[in-house]
Amino acid sequence: MKLSKSTIGIIAAVVIVALWASSAYNSMVGEQEKATTAFANVQSAYQRRADLIPNLVEVVKGYASHEKETLEGVVNARAKATQVTIDPSNMTPEKLKEYQQAQGELGAALGKLIAIQENYPDLKANENFRDLQVQLEGTENRINEARNTFNGVVQNYNTYIRKFPKNILAGIFGFNTMDKFQADAGAEKAPQVKF
């Protein structure tokens, strides 16, 4: 059976489109995996902070036992922050906001805990407290870096799946844009310093 030139042309066009679609799909999967991995790195950095908190609370408890409200606030904020989880492959703006809010509350509670040291010179001089404080500062830097990396990877992914003609394939195969981390509410205002 001999094929006509038009049939051969149609078959060639279908093969070329199928190869392009396959390549584009695989690229979208790769970009999505980069984004979900970047989010997992953010979660890992937050987990590191959560793991440091019990040790920090114990050290402070030994010096500032009557700061019960602050200590309980940190423990409760940690519990809440570790309960809010997100599946990066099925992330919604609402879940990301809830996750970010819980982590922000934990950060605020930690700030109060660290501020206690000013009232307790012995605590401020304690080597364990200083070591934990340094580790916590390093962890906060890692969290910031991980969030920035995640936002950059998500930007690349979103741009990739929204460009024509890949946006058609993205819609067919269910690749949706992902949300980025936003600044905490009120972060645009400089803190007031009063003497």
N, C-alpha and C. Protein backbone atom coordinates (compact mmCIF):
# COMPACT_ATOMS: atom_id res chain seq x y z
N MET A 1 0.84 -1.17 0.00
CA MET A 1 0.00 0.00 0.00
C MET A 1 0.88 1.24 0.00
N LYS A 2 0.67 2.07 -0.97
CA LYS A 2 1.46 3.27 -1.12
C LYS A 2 0.69 4.45 -0.55
N LEU A 3 1.39 5.25 0.31
CA LEU A 3 0.76 6.41 0.94
C LEU A 3 0.96 7.63 0.06
N SER A 4 -0.06 8.46 0.05
CA SER A 4 0.06 9.70 -0.73
C SER A 4 0.93 10.70 0.03
N LYS A 5 1.39 11.69 -0.70
CA LYS A 5 2.23 12.73 -0.09
C LYS A 5 1.48 13.47 1.01
N SER A 6 0.20 13.71 0.82
CA SER A 6 -0.58 14.43 1.84
C SER A 6 -0.75 13.57 3.10
N THR A 7 -0.91 12.28 2.94
CA THR A 7 -1.01 11.39 4.10
C THR A 7 0.30 11.35 4.86
N ILE A 8 1.39 11.28 4.14
CA ILE A 8 2.71 11.30 4.76
C ILE A 8 2.92 12.63 5.50
N GLY A 9 2.51 13.72 4.89
CA GLY A 9 2.63 15.04 5.51
C GLY A 9 1.82 15.13 6.80
N ILE A 10 0.60 14.58 6.76
CA ILE A 10 -0.25 14.60 7.96
C ILE A 10 0.38 13.74 9.06
N ILE A 11 0.86 12.57 8.72
CA ILE A 11 1.51 11.70 9.70
C ILE A 11 2.73 12.38 10.30
N ALA A 12 3.53 13.02 9.45
CA ALA A 12 4.73 13.73 9.92
C ALA A 12 4.34 14.87 10.87
N ALA A 13 3.30 15.61 10.51
CA ALA A 13 2.85 16.73 11.36
C ALA A 13 2.36 16.20 12.72
N VAL A 14 1.61 15.09 12.71
CA VAL A 14 1.12 14.51 13.96
C VAL A 14 2.29 14.04 14.82
N VAL A 15 3.28 13.43 14.22
CA VAL A 15 4.45 12.96 14.96
C VAL A 15 5.21 14.15 15.56
N ILE A 16 5.39 15.20 14.77
CA ILE A 16 6.11 16.39 15.26
C ILE A 16 5.34 17.02 16.42
N VAL A 17 4.02 17.17 16.30
CA VAL A 17 3.22 17.75 17.38
C VAL A 17 3.27 16.85 18.61
N ALA A 18 3.21 15.54 18.42
CA ALA A 18 3.27 14.61 19.55
C ALA A 18 4.62 14.70 20.25
N LEU A 19 5.70 14.79 19.50
CA LEU A 19 7.04 14.92 20.10
C LEU A 19 7.16 16.24 20.86
N TRP A 20 6.64 17.32 20.26
CA TRP A 20 6.69 18.62 20.94
C TRP A 20 5.87 18.58 22.22
N ALA A 21 4.65 18.00 22.15
CA ALA A 21 3.78 17.93 23.33
C ALA A 21 4.42 17.10 24.42
N SER A 22 5.05 16.01 24.04
CA SER A 22 5.73 15.16 25.02
C SER A 22 6.87 15.91 25.70
N SER A 23 7.65 16.61 24.90
CA SER A 23 8.76 17.38 25.45
C SER A 23 8.26 18.50 26.35
N ALA A 24 7.22 19.21 25.92
CA ALA A 24 6.66 20.31 26.72
C ALA A 24 6.08 19.78 28.03
N TYR A 25 5.37 18.66 27.97
CA TYR A 25 4.79 18.07 29.18
C TYR A 25 5.90 17.71 30.17
N ASN A 26 6.93 17.04 29.68
CA ASN A 26 8.04 16.65 30.56
C ASN A 26 8.73 17.87 31.15
N SER A 27 8.85 18.93 30.39
CA SER A 27 9.45 20.17 30.92
C SER A 27 8.58 20.78 32.01
N MET A 28 7.26 20.74 31.82
CA MET A 28 6.36 21.27 32.84
C MET A 28 6.45 20.45 34.12
N VAL A 29 6.55 19.14 33.98
CA VAL A 29 6.72 18.28 35.16
C VAL A 29 8.01 18.65 35.88
N GLY A 30 9.09 18.87 35.12
CA GLY A 30 10.36 19.25 35.73
C GLY A 30 10.28 20.57 36.47
N GLU A 31 9.63 21.56 35.87
CA GLU A 31 9.48 22.87 36.52
C GLU A 31 8.61 22.76 37.77
N GLN A 32 7.55 21.96 37.70
CA GLN A 32 6.68 21.77 38.86
C GLN A 32 7.44 21.08 39.99
N GLU A 33 8.25 20.10 39.66
CA GLU A 33 9.05 19.40 40.67
C GLU A 33 10.05 20.35 41.34
N LYS A 34 10.64 21.24 40.59
CA LYS A 34 11.55 22.23 41.18
C LYS A 34 10.80 23.08 42.21
N ALA A 35 9.57 23.47 41.86
CA ALA A 35 8.77 24.31 42.76
C ALA A 35 8.37 23.55 44.02
N THR A 36 7.94 22.30 43.87
CA THR A 36 7.53 21.54 45.05
C THR A 36 8.74 21.21 45.93
N THR A 37 9.88 21.00 45.32
CA THR A 37 11.10 20.76 46.10
C THR A 37 11.50 22.03 46.85
N ALA A 38 11.39 23.16 46.20
CA ALA A 38 11.71 24.43 46.87
C ALA A 38 10.78 24.65 48.06
N PHE A 39 9.51 24.28 47.92
CA PHE A 39 8.59 24.43 49.04
C PHE A 39 8.95 23.47 50.16
N ALA A 40 9.36 22.27 49.81
CA ALA A 40 9.80 21.30 50.82
C ALA A 40 11.00 21.85 51.59
N ASN A 41 11.87 22.59 50.91
CA ASN A 41 13.01 23.21 51.58
C ASN A 41 12.55 24.30 52.55
N VAL A 42 11.51 25.03 52.19
CA VAL A 42 10.94 26.03 53.11
C VAL A 42 10.40 25.32 54.35
N GLN A 43 9.66 24.24 54.14
CA GLN A 43 9.10 23.49 55.26
C GLN A 43 10.21 22.93 56.14
N SER A 44 11.28 22.48 55.53
CA SER A 44 12.41 21.94 56.29
C SER A 44 13.04 23.03 57.17
N ALA A 45 13.18 24.23 56.62
CA ALA A 45 13.76 25.33 57.40
C ALA A 45 12.84 25.70 58.57
N TYR A 46 11.53 25.73 58.32
CA TYR A 46 10.59 26.00 59.41
C TYR A 46 10.64 24.89 60.46
N GLN A 47 10.80 23.66 60.01
CA GLN A 47 10.88 22.53 60.95
C GLN A 47 12.12 22.65 61.83
N ARG A 48 13.23 23.10 61.24
CA ARG A 48 14.45 23.29 62.02
C ARG A 48 14.21 24.29 63.14
N ARG A 49 13.50 25.37 62.81
CA ARG A 49 13.18 26.37 63.83
C ARG A 49 12.30 25.74 64.91
N ALA A 50 11.30 24.98 64.50
CA ALA A 50 10.40 24.35 65.46
C ALA A 50 11.16 23.38 66.36
N ASP A 51 12.17 22.71 65.82
CA ASP A 51 12.96 21.76 66.61
C ASP A 51 13.85 22.46 67.63
N LEU A 52 14.27 23.69 67.36
CA LEU A 52 15.11 24.44 68.29
C LEU A 52 14.32 25.00 69.48
N ILE A 53 13.04 25.22 69.27
CA ILE A 53 12.23 25.91 70.27
C ILE A 53 12.17 25.20 71.62
N PRO A 54 11.93 23.88 71.69
CA PRO A 54 11.86 23.25 73.02
C PRO A 54 13.14 23.46 73.84
N ASN A 55 14.30 23.39 73.21
CA ASN A 55 15.55 23.62 73.94
C ASN A 55 15.64 25.06 74.43
N LEU A 56 15.24 25.99 73.58
CA LEU A 56 15.29 27.40 73.96
C LEU A 56 14.33 27.67 75.12
N VAL A 57 13.14 27.10 75.06
CA VAL A 57 12.15 27.28 76.13
C VAL A 57 12.69 26.72 77.44
N GLU A 58 13.32 25.57 77.41
CA GLU A 58 13.86 24.95 78.62
C GLU A 58 14.96 25.81 79.25
N VAL A 59 15.84 26.36 78.43
CA VAL A 59 16.90 27.22 78.96
C VAL A 59 16.29 28.46 79.61
N VAL A 60 15.34 29.08 78.93
CA VAL A 60 14.71 30.29 79.47
C VAL A 60 13.93 29.95 80.74
N LYS A 61 13.26 28.82 80.74
CA LYS A 61 12.45 28.41 81.89
C LYS A 61 13.29 28.36 83.17
N GLY A 62 14.53 27.93 83.04
CA GLY A 62 15.40 27.84 84.22
C GLY A 62 15.73 29.20 84.82
N TYR A 63 15.72 30.25 84.01
CA TYR A 63 16.08 31.58 84.49
C TYR A 63 14.87 32.49 84.70
N ALA A 64 13.84 32.24 83.96
CA ALA A 64 12.70 33.16 83.98
C ALA A 64 11.40 32.39 84.17
N SER A 65 11.32 31.63 85.24
CA SER A 65 10.17 30.75 85.46
C SER A 65 8.86 31.53 85.61
N HIS A 66 8.93 32.79 86.05
CA HIS A 66 7.68 33.53 86.21
C HIS A 66 7.23 34.20 84.90
N GLU A 67 7.92 33.94 83.80
CA GLU A 67 7.50 34.42 82.47
C GLU A 67 6.64 33.35 81.80
N LYS A 68 5.77 32.75 82.60
CA LYS A 68 4.97 31.61 82.16
C LYS A 68 4.14 31.92 80.92
N GLU A 69 3.54 33.09 80.87
CA GLU A 69 2.67 33.45 79.75
C GLU A 69 3.45 33.47 78.43
N THR A 70 4.64 34.03 78.46
CA THR A 70 5.48 34.09 77.26
C THR A 70 5.90 32.69 76.83
N LEU A 71 6.32 31.88 77.80
CA LEU A 71 6.74 30.51 77.49
C LEU A 71 5.59 29.69 76.91
N GLU A 72 4.42 29.81 77.51
CA GLU A 72 3.25 29.09 77.00
C GLU A 72 2.87 29.59 75.61
N GLY A 73 3.01 30.89 75.37
CA GLY A 73 2.71 31.45 74.05
C GLY A 73 3.60 30.85 72.97
N VAL A 74 4.87 30.67 73.29
CA VAL A 74 5.80 30.08 72.33
C VAL A 74 5.45 28.62 72.07
N VAL A 75 5.19 27.89 73.14
CA VAL A 75 4.85 26.47 73.00
C VAL A 75 3.56 26.30 72.19
N ASN A 76 2.55 27.12 72.47
CA ASN A 76 1.28 27.04 71.74
C ASN A 76 1.45 27.44 70.28
N ALA A 77 2.22 28.49 70.03
CA ALA A 77 2.45 28.92 68.65
C ALA A 77 3.21 27.85 67.87
N ARG A 78 4.16 27.19 68.53
CA ARG A 78 4.90 26.09 67.88
C ARG A 78 3.97 24.95 67.53
N ALA A 79 3.10 24.60 68.48
CA ALA A 79 2.16 23.50 68.23
C ALA A 79 1.25 23.83 67.04
N LYS A 80 0.76 25.05 67.00
CA LYS A 80 -0.12 25.45 65.91
C LYS A 80 0.62 25.44 64.58
N ALA A 81 1.85 25.97 64.58
CA ALA A 81 2.63 26.05 63.35
C ALA A 81 2.97 24.67 62.79
N THR A 82 3.21 23.71 63.67
CA THR A 82 3.57 22.38 63.18
C THR A 82 2.34 21.57 62.77
N GLN A 83 1.15 22.02 63.16
CA GLN A 83 -0.08 21.33 62.75
C GLN A 83 -0.54 21.74 61.36
N VAL A 84 -0.19 22.93 60.93
CA VAL A 84 -0.60 23.41 59.62
C VAL A 84 0.38 22.86 58.59
N THR A 85 -0.12 21.98 57.75
CA THR A 85 0.73 21.38 56.71
C THR A 85 0.11 21.62 55.35
N ILE A 86 0.97 21.57 54.34
CA ILE A 86 0.53 21.81 52.97
C ILE A 86 1.14 20.74 52.08
N ASP A 87 0.32 20.22 51.18
CA ASP A 87 0.82 19.34 50.13
C ASP A 87 1.22 20.26 48.97
N PRO A 88 2.52 20.40 48.68
CA PRO A 88 2.95 21.35 47.65
C PRO A 88 2.34 21.09 46.28
N SER A 89 1.95 19.86 45.99
CA SER A 89 1.38 19.59 44.67
C SER A 89 -0.10 19.97 44.60
N ASN A 90 -0.70 20.29 45.75
CA ASN A 90 -2.10 20.67 45.78
C ASN A 90 -2.28 21.90 46.67
N MET A 91 -1.44 22.89 46.46
CA MET A 91 -1.42 24.08 47.31
C MET A 91 -2.48 25.08 46.84
N THR A 92 -3.25 25.58 47.79
CA THR A 92 -4.22 26.62 47.48
C THR A 92 -3.75 27.93 48.13
N PRO A 93 -4.19 29.06 47.60
CA PRO A 93 -3.81 30.34 48.22
C PRO A 93 -4.23 30.41 49.68
N GLU A 94 -5.38 29.83 50.01
CA GLU A 94 -5.88 29.87 51.38
C GLU A 94 -4.97 29.06 52.31
N LYS A 95 -4.56 27.86 51.86
CA LYS A 95 -3.69 27.01 52.68
C LYS A 95 -2.32 27.67 52.87
N LEU A 96 -1.80 28.27 51.80
CA LEU A 96 -0.50 28.94 51.90
C LEU A 96 -0.59 30.11 52.88
N LYS A 97 -1.68 30.86 52.83
CA LYS A 97 -1.87 31.98 53.74
C LYS A 97 -1.98 31.49 55.19
N GLU A 98 -2.71 30.41 55.40
CA GLU A 98 -2.86 29.84 56.75
C GLU A 98 -1.50 29.36 57.27
N TYR A 99 -0.75 28.72 56.41
CA TYR A 99 0.59 28.23 56.78
C TYR A 99 1.51 29.40 57.14
N GLN A 100 1.50 30.41 56.29
CA GLN A 100 2.34 31.58 56.52
C GLN A 100 1.92 32.31 57.79
N GLN A 101 0.63 32.40 58.06
CA GLN A 101 0.14 33.08 59.27
C GLN A 101 0.59 32.33 60.52
N ALA A 102 0.50 31.01 60.51
CA ALA A 102 0.91 30.21 61.68
C ALA A 102 2.41 30.38 61.92
N GLN A 103 3.20 30.40 60.85
CA GLN A 103 4.64 30.58 61.00
C GLN A 103 4.95 32.00 61.48
N GLY A 104 4.17 32.98 61.04
CA GLY A 104 4.36 34.36 61.49
C GLY A 104 4.06 34.52 62.97
N GLU A 105 3.01 33.83 63.44
CA GLU A 105 2.67 33.88 64.87
C GLU A 105 3.78 33.25 65.70
N LEU A 106 4.37 32.19 65.20
CA LEU A 106 5.48 31.56 65.90
C LEU A 106 6.68 32.50 65.94
N GLY A 107 6.95 33.17 64.85
CA GLY A 107 8.06 34.13 64.82
C GLY A 107 7.85 35.26 65.82
N ALA A 108 6.62 35.75 65.93
CA ALA A 108 6.32 36.82 66.88
C ALA A 108 6.49 36.33 68.32
N ALA A 109 6.04 35.12 68.59
CA ALA A 109 6.19 34.55 69.94
C ALA A 109 7.66 34.37 70.28
N LEU A 110 8.44 33.93 69.31
CA LEU A 110 9.89 33.78 69.53
C LEU A 110 10.55 35.12 69.81
N GLY A 111 10.10 36.16 69.12
CA GLY A 111 10.63 37.50 69.36
C GLY A 111 10.43 37.93 70.80
N LYS A 112 9.25 37.62 71.36
CA LYS A 112 8.97 37.95 72.77
C LYS A 112 9.89 37.14 73.69
N LEU A 113 10.10 35.88 73.33
CA LEU A 113 10.95 35.03 74.15
C LEU A 113 12.39 35.54 74.16
N ILE A 114 12.89 35.93 73.02
CA ILE A 114 14.26 36.45 72.93
C ILE A 114 14.38 37.78 73.68
N ALA A 115 13.32 38.58 73.66
CA ALA A 115 13.35 39.87 74.35
C ALA A 115 13.45 39.71 75.87
N ILE A 116 13.04 38.57 76.40
CA ILE A 116 13.11 38.31 77.84
C ILE A 116 14.53 38.45 78.36
N GLN A 117 15.50 38.14 77.53
CA GLN A 117 16.90 38.14 77.97
C GLN A 117 17.33 39.49 78.55
N GLU A 118 16.71 40.56 78.11
CA GLU A 118 17.10 41.88 78.61
C GLU A 118 16.81 42.03 80.10
N ASN A 119 15.81 41.30 80.59
CA ASN A 119 15.45 41.38 82.00
C ASN A 119 16.24 40.41 82.88
N TYR A 120 17.01 39.53 82.26
CA TYR A 120 17.71 38.49 83.00
C TYR A 120 19.17 38.41 82.55
N PRO A 121 20.03 39.17 83.20
CA PRO A 121 21.44 39.19 82.81
C PRO A 121 22.10 37.81 82.85
N ASP A 122 21.70 36.96 83.81
CA ASP A 122 22.27 35.61 83.88
C ASP A 122 21.88 34.79 82.66
N LEU A 123 20.64 34.96 82.21
CA LEU A 123 20.19 34.25 81.01
C LEU A 123 20.96 34.74 79.79
N LYS A 124 21.13 36.04 79.71
CA LYS A 124 21.85 36.64 78.59
C LYS A 124 23.28 36.11 78.52
N ALA A 125 23.87 35.82 79.66
CA ALA A 125 25.24 35.33 79.72
C ALA A 125 25.34 33.81 79.57
N ASN A 126 24.20 33.11 79.62
CA ASN A 126 24.22 31.65 79.55
C ASN A 126 24.67 31.19 78.16
N GLU A 127 25.66 30.31 78.15
CA GLU A 127 26.24 29.85 76.88
C GLU A 127 25.22 29.08 76.03
N ASN A 128 24.42 28.24 76.66
CA ASN A 128 23.40 27.49 75.92
C ASN A 128 22.40 28.43 75.25
N PHE A 129 21.98 29.45 75.99
CA PHE A 129 21.04 30.42 75.44
C PHE A 129 21.65 31.14 74.25
N ARG A 130 22.90 31.58 74.41
CA ARG A 130 23.57 32.29 73.31
C ARG A 130 23.72 31.38 72.08
N ASP A 131 24.09 30.12 72.31
CA ASP A 131 24.23 29.18 71.19
C ASP A 131 22.90 28.96 70.48
N LEU A 132 21.84 28.77 71.27
CA LEU A 132 20.53 28.58 70.67
C LEU A 132 20.07 29.83 69.92
N GLN A 133 20.38 30.98 70.47
CA GLN A 133 20.01 32.23 69.81
C GLN A 133 20.74 32.37 68.47
N VAL A 134 22.02 32.01 68.43
CA VAL A 134 22.77 32.06 67.18
C VAL A 134 22.18 31.06 66.17
N GLN A 135 21.86 29.87 66.64
CA GLN A 135 21.26 28.88 65.75
C GLN A 135 19.91 29.35 65.22
N LEU A 136 19.14 30.00 66.08
CA LEU A 136 17.84 30.52 65.68
C LEU A 136 17.99 31.63 64.64
N GLU A 137 18.95 32.52 64.85
CA GLU A 137 19.20 33.58 63.86
C GLU A 137 19.60 32.98 62.52
N GLY A 138 20.47 31.97 62.56
CA GLY A 138 20.87 31.30 61.33
C GLY A 138 19.69 30.63 60.64
N THR A 139 18.82 30.05 61.45
CA THR A 139 17.64 29.38 60.90
C THR A 139 16.69 30.39 60.28
N GLU A 140 16.52 31.54 60.91
CA GLU A 140 15.67 32.59 60.33
C GLU A 140 16.22 33.03 58.98
N ASN A 141 17.55 33.12 58.87
CA ASN A 141 18.16 33.46 57.59
C ASN A 141 17.90 32.37 56.55
N ARG A 142 17.98 31.11 56.98
CA ARG A 142 17.70 29.99 56.06
C ARG A 142 16.25 30.03 55.60
N ILE A 143 15.35 30.35 56.52
CA ILE A 143 13.94 30.43 56.16
C ILE A 143 13.74 31.51 55.10
N ASN A 144 14.35 32.65 55.32
CA ASN A 144 14.22 33.74 54.36
C ASN A 144 14.79 33.34 53.00
N GLU A 145 15.96 32.72 52.99
CA GLU A 145 16.56 32.26 51.74
C GLU A 145 15.68 31.23 51.05
N ALA A 146 15.15 30.28 51.82
CA ALA A 146 14.31 29.23 51.24
C ALA A 146 13.03 29.83 50.65
N ARG A 147 12.45 30.80 51.34
CA ARG A 147 11.25 31.46 50.81
C ARG A 147 11.55 32.22 49.53
N ASN A 148 12.68 32.93 49.51
CA ASN A 148 13.06 33.67 48.31
C ASN A 148 13.33 32.72 47.14
N THR A 149 14.02 31.62 47.42
CA THR A 149 14.28 30.62 46.37
C THR A 149 12.97 30.05 45.86
N PHE A 150 12.06 29.71 46.78
CA PHE A 150 10.75 29.18 46.38
C PHE A 150 10.03 30.18 45.47
N ASN A 151 10.00 31.44 45.87
CA ASN A 151 9.31 32.44 45.06
C ASN A 151 9.92 32.55 43.66
N GLY A 152 11.25 32.47 43.57
CA GLY A 152 11.91 32.53 42.25
C GLY A 152 11.57 31.32 41.39
N VAL A 153 11.59 30.14 42.00
CA VAL A 153 11.27 28.91 41.26
C VAL A 153 9.81 28.92 40.82
N VAL A 154 8.93 29.38 41.69
CA VAL A 154 7.50 29.46 41.34
C VAL A 154 7.29 30.46 40.21
N GLN A 155 8.01 31.56 40.23
CA GLN A 155 7.91 32.53 39.14
C GLN A 155 8.30 31.88 37.81
N ASN A 156 9.40 31.13 37.81
CA ASN A 156 9.83 30.45 36.58
C ASN A 156 8.78 29.44 36.12
N TYR A 157 8.26 28.67 37.06
CA TYR A 157 7.23 27.67 36.73
C TYR A 157 5.98 28.34 36.16
N ASN A 158 5.49 29.36 36.86
CA ASN A 158 4.28 30.05 36.41
C ASN A 158 4.48 30.66 35.02
N THR A 159 5.63 31.27 34.80
CA THR A 159 5.92 31.87 33.50
C THR A 159 5.95 30.78 32.43
N TYR A 160 6.58 29.67 32.75
CA TYR A 160 6.72 28.58 31.79
C TYR A 160 5.37 28.03 31.35
N ILE A 161 4.46 27.79 32.31
CA ILE A 161 3.18 27.17 31.95
C ILE A 161 2.18 28.18 31.39
N ARG A 162 2.44 29.47 31.53
CA ARG A 162 1.50 30.47 31.03
C ARG A 162 1.84 30.97 29.63
N LYS A 163 3.04 30.65 29.14
CA LYS A 163 3.44 31.10 27.80
C LYS A 163 2.73 30.26 26.73
N PHE A 164 2.36 30.95 25.67
CA PHE A 164 1.74 30.28 24.54
C PHE A 164 2.82 29.56 23.75
N PRO A 165 2.60 28.38 23.28
CA PRO A 165 1.42 27.53 23.29
C PRO A 165 1.39 26.52 24.44
N LYS A 166 2.38 26.60 25.32
CA LYS A 166 2.42 25.63 26.44
C LYS A 166 1.23 25.81 27.38
N ASN A 167 0.67 27.02 27.41
CA ASN A 167 -0.49 27.24 28.28
C ASN A 167 -1.66 26.34 27.88
N ILE A 168 -1.74 26.00 26.62
CA ILE A 168 -2.81 25.10 26.16
C ILE A 168 -2.59 23.71 26.75
N LEU A 169 -1.36 23.22 26.64
CA LEU A 169 -1.04 21.91 27.21
C LEU A 169 -1.18 21.93 28.73
N ALA A 170 -0.75 23.02 29.36
CA ALA A 170 -0.85 23.12 30.81
C ALA A 170 -2.31 23.00 31.25
N GLY A 171 -3.21 23.65 30.52
CA GLY A 171 -4.63 23.56 30.82
C GLY A 171 -5.17 22.15 30.62
N ILE A 172 -4.73 21.50 29.54
CA ILE A 172 -5.20 20.15 29.25
C ILE A 172 -4.74 19.17 30.33
N PHE A 173 -3.49 19.31 30.76
CA PHE A 173 -2.91 18.35 31.71
C PHE A 173 -3.02 18.78 33.17
N GLY A 174 -3.68 19.90 33.44
CA GLY A 174 -3.95 20.30 34.81
C GLY A 174 -2.79 20.96 35.55
N PHE A 175 -1.88 21.59 34.83
CA PHE A 175 -0.80 22.34 35.47
C PHE A 175 -1.34 23.73 35.80
N ASN A 176 -1.47 24.04 37.07
CA ASN A 176 -2.00 25.33 37.51
C ASN A 176 -0.88 26.19 38.07
N THR A 177 -1.08 27.49 38.03
CA THR A 177 -0.08 28.39 38.62
C THR A 177 -0.02 28.15 40.13
N MET A 178 1.12 28.47 40.70
CA MET A 178 1.32 28.32 42.14
C MET A 178 1.43 29.71 42.75
N ASP A 179 1.07 29.81 44.03
CA ASP A 179 1.18 31.08 44.74
C ASP A 179 2.55 31.20 45.39
N LYS A 180 2.97 32.44 45.57
CA LYS A 180 4.26 32.72 46.21
C LYS A 180 4.03 33.14 47.65
N PHE A 181 5.10 33.10 48.43
CA PHE A 181 5.03 33.66 49.77
C PHE A 181 4.92 35.18 49.65
N GLN A 182 4.12 35.76 50.51
CA GLN A 182 3.95 37.21 50.55
C GLN A 182 4.58 37.73 51.83
N ALA A 183 4.86 39.01 51.86
CA ALA A 183 5.35 39.63 53.09
C ALA A 183 4.27 39.54 54.15
N ASP A 184 4.67 39.44 55.39
CA ASP A 184 3.71 39.40 56.49
C ASP A 184 2.93 40.70 56.55
N ALA A 185 1.71 40.62 57.02
CA ALA A 185 0.87 41.81 57.13
C ALA A 185 1.56 42.85 58.01
N GLY A 186 1.60 44.07 57.54
CA GLY A 186 2.23 45.15 58.30
C GLY A 186 3.72 45.27 58.08
N ALA A 187 4.30 44.39 57.27
CA ALA A 187 5.74 44.42 57.05
C ALA A 187 6.20 45.65 56.28
N GLU A 188 5.25 46.28 55.57
CA GLU A 188 5.61 47.47 54.79
C GLU A 188 5.82 48.70 55.68
N LYS A 189 5.38 48.63 56.94
CA LYS A 189 5.53 49.75 57.87
C LYS A 189 6.80 49.57 58.69
N ALA A 190 7.59 50.61 58.78
CA ALA A 190 8.80 50.55 59.59
C ALA A 190 8.40 50.53 61.08
N PRO A 191 9.09 49.72 61.89
CA PRO A 191 8.75 49.70 63.30
C PRO A 191 9.08 51.03 63.97
N GLN A 192 8.27 51.40 64.95
CA GLN A 192 8.52 52.64 65.66
C GLN A 192 9.53 52.40 66.77
N VAL A 193 10.48 53.30 66.86
CA VAL A 193 11.49 53.22 67.92
C VAL A 193 11.27 54.39 68.86
N LYS A 194 11.05 54.06 70.13
CA LYS A 194 10.80 55.12 71.12
C LYS A 194 11.83 54.99 72.22
N PHE A 195 12.35 56.10 72.64
CA PHE A 195 13.32 56.12 73.75
C PHE A 195 12.70 56.78 74.96
